[in-house]
Amino acid sequence: MSLIKARIITAMTTPFNEKGQLDYDKLEPLIDYLLANGSEGLVIGGTTGESPTLSHDEKLELYKKSAEIINGRVPVIVGTGTNSTAETISFTKEVENIKGIDAVLVVAPYYNKPNQAGLYAHFEAVSKNTDLPIIIYNVPSRTSVSIDPTTTIRLANFKNIIGIKECMGLDAMSEIIEKTKDGFLVYTGEDNLTFPAKCIGATGVISVASHILGNQMKDMYDLLGKGKIVEAANQHRQLIPKMNSLFSVPSPAPVKMVLNTLGVEVGSVRLPLVDCTKEEIQTILNSLNLTNK
């Protein structure tokens, strides 16, 4: 599937073994499960993949093995952004050597708190130093800085900056969609905006909840594509409490717990994140109408 046709892209969790090491034996079953259950593309090594706790070498090996397993079945996007422009460029250039990578996800520099001029200069520098397509990631709740829509619109003029994962809501997405060239990809990074984002012209969603709710989300988009707006909206309303339950504890602990419950083994989270408590597990599973095996 072409990147521009992927509506539901799952920000994939990273599977670990009992010792907290990457478990590559669990990788193929996880990927196959996601592709069989609504995912039309995958982000590897994003926030949901616990990228802050992955080493440089772990990321490269994870990206290589994931691309080999996916083997062109869906678009593969990998995280390469850091709060250092030089390091982001260096790592992105390393990723260029991995066969099967369709784009890189580059987060706004965190902790440094650059202004709009600095944010523009950062993405400009990355763009000029790679041939890979770039998707900007704007997530102020994690970075403490927000890319203004006017900055994104300027950055969209670079040939290889092809889209944005936008977490600043419908107003920001609306402005970006309205003022960028046709074909610029706009994904919401908020699961609870999956439906309204599509209604205003977004490409789709880069999702966490699609690990568990991918088929229902796909059904909703299919209904919307057929003009069945009332039915799609009803589906969205039914999904909202389920989506919210998957963020009731710091992500991706809930999603990993549910996957393990479903028999898709992905292990635990790495510190400083911790697993869900027994009480949290029961609450989340009840919200999803699942039982604890």
Protein backbone atom coordinates (compact mmCIF):
# COMPACT_ATOMS: atom_id res chain seq x y z
CA MET A 1 0.00 0.00 0.00
CA SER A 2 1.25 3.45 -0.89
CA LEU A 3 2.09 5.71 2.02
CA ILE A 4 -0.43 8.29 0.84
CA LYS A 5 -3.22 5.71 1.03
CA ALA A 6 -2.49 4.51 4.56
CA ARG A 7 -5.30 5.77 6.76
CA ILE A 8 -4.56 3.85 9.96
CA ILE A 9 -0.89 3.72 10.85
CA THR A 10 -0.07 1.95 14.10
CA ALA A 11 2.72 3.31 16.28
CA MET A 12 3.96 -0.17 17.14
CA THR A 13 5.03 -1.29 20.59
CA THR A 14 8.49 -2.82 20.99
CA PRO A 15 8.47 -6.40 22.32
CA PHE A 16 10.77 -7.23 25.22
CA ASN A 17 11.66 -10.51 26.93
CA GLU A 18 11.63 -11.27 30.65
CA LYS A 19 15.01 -9.56 31.06
CA GLY A 20 13.85 -6.37 29.35
CA GLN A 21 15.84 -7.05 26.18
CA LEU A 22 14.46 -6.72 22.67
CA ASP A 23 12.72 -9.98 21.79
CA TYR A 24 12.97 -10.48 18.05
CA ASP A 25 11.13 -13.80 18.24
CA LYS A 26 8.02 -11.85 19.24
CA LEU A 27 8.41 -9.29 16.48
CA GLU A 28 7.00 -11.23 13.53
CA PRO A 29 3.87 -12.47 15.34
CA LEU A 30 3.20 -8.90 16.51
CA ILE A 31 3.60 -7.43 13.03
CA ASP A 32 1.48 -10.13 11.41
CA TYR A 33 -1.23 -9.60 14.02
CA LEU A 34 -1.32 -5.85 13.42
CA LEU A 35 -1.44 -6.21 9.63
CA ALA A 36 -4.28 -8.72 9.94
CA ASN A 37 -6.25 -6.41 12.21
CA GLY A 38 -6.63 -3.02 10.55
CA SER A 39 -3.14 -1.53 10.43
CA GLU A 40 -2.35 -0.06 7.01
CA GLY A 41 1.13 1.14 7.96
CA LEU A 42 3.51 0.94 10.91
CA VAL A 43 5.65 3.41 12.83
CA ILE A 44 8.61 1.62 14.41
CA GLY A 45 10.59 3.21 17.21
CA GLY A 46 8.15 5.97 18.08
CA THR A 47 7.03 7.00 21.54
CA THR A 48 4.76 3.95 21.80
CA GLY A 49 7.78 1.86 20.87
CA GLU A 50 9.51 3.27 23.98
CA SER A 51 12.11 4.98 21.83
CA PRO A 52 13.56 7.01 24.74
CA THR A 53 14.76 3.75 26.30
CA LEU A 54 16.09 2.15 23.10
CA SER A 55 19.79 2.43 22.36
CA HIS A 56 21.16 3.54 19.02
CA ASP A 57 22.09 -0.02 18.06
CA GLU A 58 18.80 -1.45 19.28
CA LYS A 59 16.89 0.95 17.05
CA LEU A 60 18.92 0.09 13.96
CA GLU A 61 18.48 -3.64 14.50
CA LEU A 62 14.78 -3.24 15.27
CA TYR A 63 14.24 -1.19 12.11
CA LYS A 64 16.16 -3.64 9.95
CA LYS A 65 14.34 -6.71 11.24
CA SER A 66 10.93 -5.04 11.12
CA ALA A 67 11.44 -3.91 7.51
CA GLU A 68 12.50 -7.44 6.55
CA ILE A 69 9.41 -8.96 8.16
CA ILE A 70 7.01 -6.40 6.67
CA ASN A 71 8.64 -6.91 3.26
CA GLY A 72 6.74 -4.15 1.50
CA ARG A 73 3.28 -5.22 2.67
CA VAL A 74 2.59 -1.80 4.22
CA PRO A 75 4.54 1.46 4.55
CA VAL A 76 7.28 1.47 7.18
CA ILE A 77 8.04 4.69 9.06
CA VAL A 78 10.81 4.80 11.65
CA GLY A 79 11.64 7.32 14.34
CA THR A 80 14.92 9.18 13.94
CA GLY A 81 14.30 12.48 15.73
CA THR A 82 16.21 13.68 18.79
CA ASN A 83 16.71 17.06 20.46
CA SER A 84 20.05 17.41 18.65
CA THR A 85 19.90 18.45 15.02
CA ALA A 86 23.33 16.98 14.29
CA GLU A 87 22.44 13.66 15.92
CA THR A 88 19.11 13.53 14.11
CA ILE A 89 20.83 14.04 10.77
CA SER A 90 23.50 11.45 11.57
CA PHE A 91 21.01 8.81 12.65
CA THR A 92 18.68 9.50 9.73
CA LYS A 93 21.59 8.99 7.34
CA GLU A 94 22.31 5.62 8.96
CA VAL A 95 18.68 4.63 8.49
CA GLU A 96 18.98 5.43 4.78
CA ASN A 97 21.04 2.24 4.47
CA ILE A 98 18.17 0.03 5.66
CA LYS A 99 16.17 -1.47 2.83
CA GLY A 100 12.41 -1.12 3.08
CA ILE A 101 12.12 2.15 5.01
CA ASP A 102 9.50 4.41 3.43
CA ALA A 103 9.81 7.50 5.65
CA VAL A 104 11.22 8.80 8.92
CA LEU A 105 9.26 10.35 11.76
CA VAL A 106 11.12 13.34 13.20
CA VAL A 107 9.85 14.73 16.47
CA ALA A 108 10.15 18.39 17.42
CA PRO A 109 13.30 18.86 19.53
CA TYR A 110 12.41 18.30 23.16
CA TYR A 111 13.89 19.92 26.30
CA ASN A 112 15.83 22.61 24.36
CA LYS A 113 12.62 24.62 23.84
CA PRO A 114 13.54 26.24 20.49
CA ASN A 115 11.37 29.04 19.12
CA GLN A 116 9.66 28.85 15.72
CA ALA A 117 12.82 30.02 13.94
CA GLY A 118 14.78 27.24 15.63
CA LEU A 119 12.16 24.62 14.83
CA TYR A 120 12.12 25.67 11.19
CA ALA A 121 15.91 25.60 11.00
CA HIS A 122 16.03 22.16 12.62
CA PHE A 123 13.67 20.54 10.11
CA GLU A 124 15.24 22.46 7.23
CA ALA A 125 18.66 21.05 8.14
CA VAL A 126 17.35 17.50 8.44
CA SER A 127 15.51 17.83 5.13
CA LYS A 128 18.61 19.04 3.31
CA ASN A 129 20.72 16.16 4.62
CA THR A 130 18.59 13.17 3.69
CA ASP A 131 16.73 11.88 0.67
CA LEU A 132 14.25 9.98 2.82
CA PRO A 133 10.70 11.32 3.10
CA ILE A 134 10.14 13.08 6.43
CA ILE A 135 7.00 13.19 8.56
CA ILE A 136 7.12 15.92 11.21
CA TYR A 137 5.90 14.95 14.68
CA ASN A 138 4.32 17.72 16.73
CA VAL A 139 3.53 16.53 20.26
CA PRO A 140 3.81 19.43 22.73
CA SER A 141 2.62 17.33 25.68
CA ARG A 142 5.92 15.44 25.46
CA THR A 143 8.34 17.99 24.01
CA SER A 144 7.26 21.24 25.74
CA VAL A 145 7.34 23.06 22.39
CA SER A 146 4.68 23.33 19.70
CA ILE A 147 5.27 23.74 15.99
CA ASP A 148 2.97 26.53 14.86
CA PRO A 149 0.84 25.67 11.82
CA THR A 150 2.47 28.55 9.93
CA THR A 151 5.87 26.90 10.49
CA THR A 152 4.57 23.55 9.28
CA ILE A 153 3.08 25.19 6.21
CA ARG A 154 6.47 26.72 5.35
CA LEU A 155 8.23 23.39 5.92
CA ALA A 156 5.76 21.65 3.61
CA ASN A 157 7.48 23.41 0.71
CA PHE A 158 10.50 21.13 1.11
CA LYS A 159 10.16 18.28 -1.36
CA ASN A 160 10.95 15.50 1.10
CA ILE A 161 8.89 16.84 4.02
CA ILE A 162 5.76 14.94 3.09
CA GLY A 163 3.52 15.21 6.13
CA ILE A 164 2.94 15.73 9.82
CA LYS A 165 1.70 13.78 12.81
CA GLU A 166 -0.17 16.61 14.52
CA CYS A 167 -1.27 16.44 18.16
CA MET A 168 -2.54 20.00 18.53
CA GLY A 169 -6.13 19.36 17.58
CA LEU A 170 -8.59 20.15 14.83
CA ASP A 171 -7.82 23.86 14.47
CA ALA A 172 -4.14 23.23 13.76
CA MET A 173 -4.92 20.39 11.37
CA SER A 174 -7.54 22.45 9.57
CA GLU A 175 -5.10 25.28 8.92
CA ILE A 176 -2.39 22.92 7.73
CA ILE A 177 -4.75 21.00 5.43
CA GLU A 178 -6.14 24.22 4.00
CA LYS A 179 -2.80 25.91 3.33
CA THR A 180 -0.50 23.11 2.19
CA LYS A 181 -0.23 21.59 -1.26
CA ASP A 182 -2.39 18.67 -2.29
CA GLY A 183 -0.82 15.41 -1.19
CA PHE A 184 0.73 16.74 2.02
CA LEU A 185 -0.08 14.07 4.59
CA VAL A 186 -1.80 15.20 7.77
CA TYR A 187 -2.27 12.57 10.46
CA THR A 188 -3.80 13.16 13.84
CA GLY A 189 -1.73 11.75 16.66
CA GLU A 190 -4.76 11.67 18.95
CA ASP A 191 -6.88 8.53 18.78
CA ASN A 192 -9.99 10.32 20.00
CA LEU A 193 -9.82 12.57 16.92
CA THR A 194 -9.69 9.69 14.43
CA PHE A 195 -13.16 10.39 13.06
CA PRO A 196 -13.34 14.23 13.11
CA ALA A 197 -9.82 14.55 11.69
CA LYS A 198 -10.82 12.49 8.67
CA CYS A 199 -13.98 14.55 8.28
CA ILE A 200 -11.96 17.78 7.88
CA GLY A 201 -9.65 16.24 5.29
CA ALA A 202 -6.86 14.59 7.26
CA THR A 203 -5.17 11.54 5.75
CA GLY A 204 -5.87 9.48 8.83
CA VAL A 205 -4.41 8.64 12.23
CA ILE A 206 -1.09 7.47 13.62
CA SER A 207 -2.58 5.42 16.39
CA VAL A 208 -1.91 3.58 19.62
CA ALA A 209 -5.44 2.23 20.05
CA SER A 210 -5.26 0.47 16.67
CA HIS A 211 -3.19 -2.25 18.37
CA ILE A 212 -6.46 -3.35 19.92
CA LEU A 213 -9.22 -1.55 18.00
CA GLY A 214 -7.76 -1.57 14.49
CA ASN A 215 -10.57 -3.47 12.81
CA GLN A 216 -13.25 -1.25 14.35
CA MET A 217 -11.32 1.87 13.33
CA LYS A 218 -10.98 0.52 9.80
CA ASP A 219 -14.71 -0.25 9.68
CA MET A 220 -15.41 3.32 10.78
CA TYR A 221 -13.25 4.75 7.99
CA ASP A 222 -14.84 2.40 5.46
CA LEU A 223 -18.28 3.64 6.50
CA LEU A 224 -17.13 7.22 6.20
CA GLY A 225 -15.71 6.52 2.75
CA LYS A 226 -19.11 5.23 1.66
CA GLY A 227 -20.76 8.42 2.88
CA LYS A 228 -22.40 6.68 5.84
CA ILE A 229 -21.57 9.51 8.20
CA VAL A 230 -24.20 8.74 10.86
CA GLU A 231 -23.08 5.11 11.12
CA ALA A 232 -19.41 6.11 11.21
CA ALA A 233 -20.07 8.71 13.88
CA ASN A 234 -21.89 6.12 15.97
CA GLN A 235 -18.91 3.79 15.65
CA HIS A 236 -16.61 6.59 16.78
CA ARG A 237 -18.72 7.29 19.87
CA GLN A 238 -18.58 3.62 20.80
CA LEU A 239 -14.79 3.62 20.44
CA ILE A 240 -14.04 6.72 22.52
CA PRO A 241 -14.31 5.16 26.01
CA LYS A 242 -12.30 2.16 24.83
CA MET A 243 -9.61 4.42 23.41
CA ASN A 244 -9.52 6.47 26.59
CA SER A 245 -9.03 3.35 28.69
CA LEU A 246 -5.85 2.59 26.75
CA PHE A 247 -4.43 5.89 27.99
CA SER A 248 -5.65 5.65 31.59
CA VAL A 249 -2.13 4.57 32.57
CA PRO A 250 1.05 5.93 30.92
CA SER A 251 1.26 4.46 27.42
CA PRO A 252 2.19 1.88 26.22
CA ALA A 253 1.63 -0.08 29.45
CA PRO A 254 -2.12 -0.57 28.80
CA VAL A 255 -1.68 -1.63 25.16
CA LYS A 256 1.10 -4.05 26.06
CA MET A 257 -1.02 -5.54 28.82
CA VAL A 258 -4.00 -6.04 26.51
CA LEU A 259 -1.87 -7.57 23.76
CA ASN A 260 -0.39 -10.01 26.27
CA THR A 261 -3.91 -10.83 27.47
CA LEU A 262 -4.95 -11.53 23.86
CA GLY A 263 -2.01 -13.89 23.43
CA VAL A 264 0.12 -11.52 21.37
CA GLU A 265 3.18 -11.57 23.58
CA VAL A 266 5.08 -8.28 23.78
CA GLY A 267 6.41 -8.39 27.35
CA SER A 268 6.56 -5.54 29.83
CA VAL A 269 7.53 -1.88 29.59
CA ARG A 270 10.98 -0.55 30.45
CA LEU A 271 11.63 1.72 33.38
CA PRO A 272 10.83 4.48 34.12
CA LEU A 273 7.44 3.15 32.96
CA VAL A 274 5.84 0.40 35.02
CA ASP A 275 3.25 -2.25 34.30
CA CYS A 276 -0.43 -1.83 35.08
CA THR A 277 -1.58 -2.84 38.55
CA LYS A 278 -4.14 -5.61 39.01
CA GLU A 279 -6.84 -3.01 39.60
CA GLU A 280 -5.83 -1.06 36.49
CA ILE A 281 -5.79 -4.23 34.43
CA GLN A 282 -9.32 -5.15 35.44
CA THR A 283 -10.64 -1.64 34.79
CA ILE A 284 -9.08 -1.48 31.32
CA LEU A 285 -10.21 -4.97 30.32
CA ASN A 286 -13.74 -4.22 31.53
CA SER A 287 -13.79 -1.08 29.37
CA LEU A 288 -12.78 -3.20 26.38
CA ASN A 289 -15.26 -5.97 27.21
CA LEU A 290 -12.39 -8.40 27.63
CA THR A 291 -11.67 -10.91 30.39
CA ASN A 292 -8.33 -11.51 32.05
CA LYS A 293 -6.98 -14.89 31.00
